[in-house]
Amino acid sequence: MKKIFSKVRTYLDEVATEMRKASWPQRRELISHTVITLVASFVLALFIFGADRVISYVLDIVYPG
């Protein structure tokens, strides 16, 4: 059991070391990437909504009732 805790501790120490080496974005860069992600998600959602509406319309024509 002691060996497991030792391995977990070693793993967490290595993770902490690697996290300190990481290059973190500046606030401005983080905000711009967040805005780009939100806009892209919204555009994709609109595309999927439009495609769903078109497919529903076509299926209503093919299978009336």
Protein backbone atom coordinates (compact mmCIF):
# COMPACT_ATOMS: atom_id res chain seq x y z
CA MET A 1 0.00 0.00 0.00
CA LYS A 2 2.86 2.35 0.83
CA LYS A 3 4.32 1.72 -2.64
CA ILE A 4 1.07 2.89 -4.31
CA PHE A 5 1.08 6.18 -2.36
CA SER A 6 4.73 6.66 -3.29
CA LYS A 7 3.95 6.20 -6.98
CA VAL A 8 0.98 8.57 -6.78
CA ARG A 9 3.13 11.17 -5.02
CA THR A 10 5.86 10.82 -7.67
CA TYR A 11 3.29 11.16 -10.44
CA LEU A 12 1.79 14.31 -8.91
CA ASP A 13 5.25 15.83 -8.43
CA GLU A 14 6.05 15.18 -12.10
CA VAL A 15 2.74 16.70 -13.17
CA ALA A 16 3.45 19.82 -11.10
CA THR A 17 6.93 20.09 -12.66
CA GLU A 18 5.53 19.83 -16.20
CA MET A 19 2.78 22.36 -15.45
CA ARG A 20 5.41 24.90 -14.41
CA LYS A 21 7.15 24.37 -17.78
CA ALA A 22 3.93 24.99 -19.73
CA SER A 23 3.46 28.18 -21.67
CA TRP A 24 0.29 29.82 -20.37
CA PRO A 25 -1.57 32.36 -22.55
CA GLN A 26 -1.82 35.99 -21.59
CA ARG A 27 -5.25 37.33 -20.56
CA ARG A 28 -5.83 39.09 -23.90
CA GLU A 29 -4.93 35.96 -25.89
CA LEU A 30 -7.17 33.80 -23.69
CA ILE A 31 -10.14 36.14 -24.18
CA SER A 32 -9.67 36.30 -27.96
CA HIS A 33 -9.45 32.50 -28.23
CA THR A 34 -12.54 32.15 -26.05
CA VAL A 35 -14.49 34.56 -28.28
CA ILE A 36 -13.37 32.70 -31.41
CA THR A 37 -14.47 29.40 -29.87
CA LEU A 38 -17.88 30.78 -28.88
CA VAL A 39 -18.49 32.32 -32.31
CA ALA A 40 -17.43 29.14 -34.10
CA SER A 41 -19.70 27.07 -31.84
CA PHE A 42 -22.63 29.41 -32.54
CA VAL A 43 -22.04 29.26 -36.31
CA LEU A 44 -21.83 25.47 -36.19
CA ALA A 45 -25.04 25.31 -34.14
CA LEU A 46 -26.80 27.50 -36.71
CA PHE A 47 -25.57 25.27 -39.52
CA ILE A 48 -26.80 22.13 -37.77
CA PHE A 49 -30.15 23.81 -37.03
CA GLY A 50 -30.51 24.82 -40.69
CA ALA A 51 -29.55 21.37 -41.93
CA ASP A 52 -32.08 19.80 -39.55
CA ARG A 53 -34.83 22.12 -40.78
CA VAL A 54 -34.04 21.32 -44.45
CA ILE A 55 -33.95 17.58 -43.80
CA SER A 56 -37.23 17.78 -41.87
CA TYR A 57 -38.84 19.71 -44.72
CA VAL A 58 -37.65 17.19 -47.32
CA LEU A 59 -38.84 14.25 -45.21
CA ASP A 60 -42.26 15.92 -44.80
CA ILE A 61 -42.50 16.10 -48.59
CA VAL A 62 -41.34 12.49 -49.07
CA TYR A 63 -43.48 11.09 -46.25
CA PRO A 64 -46.60 13.30 -46.01
CA GLY A 65 -48.97 12.94 -43.11
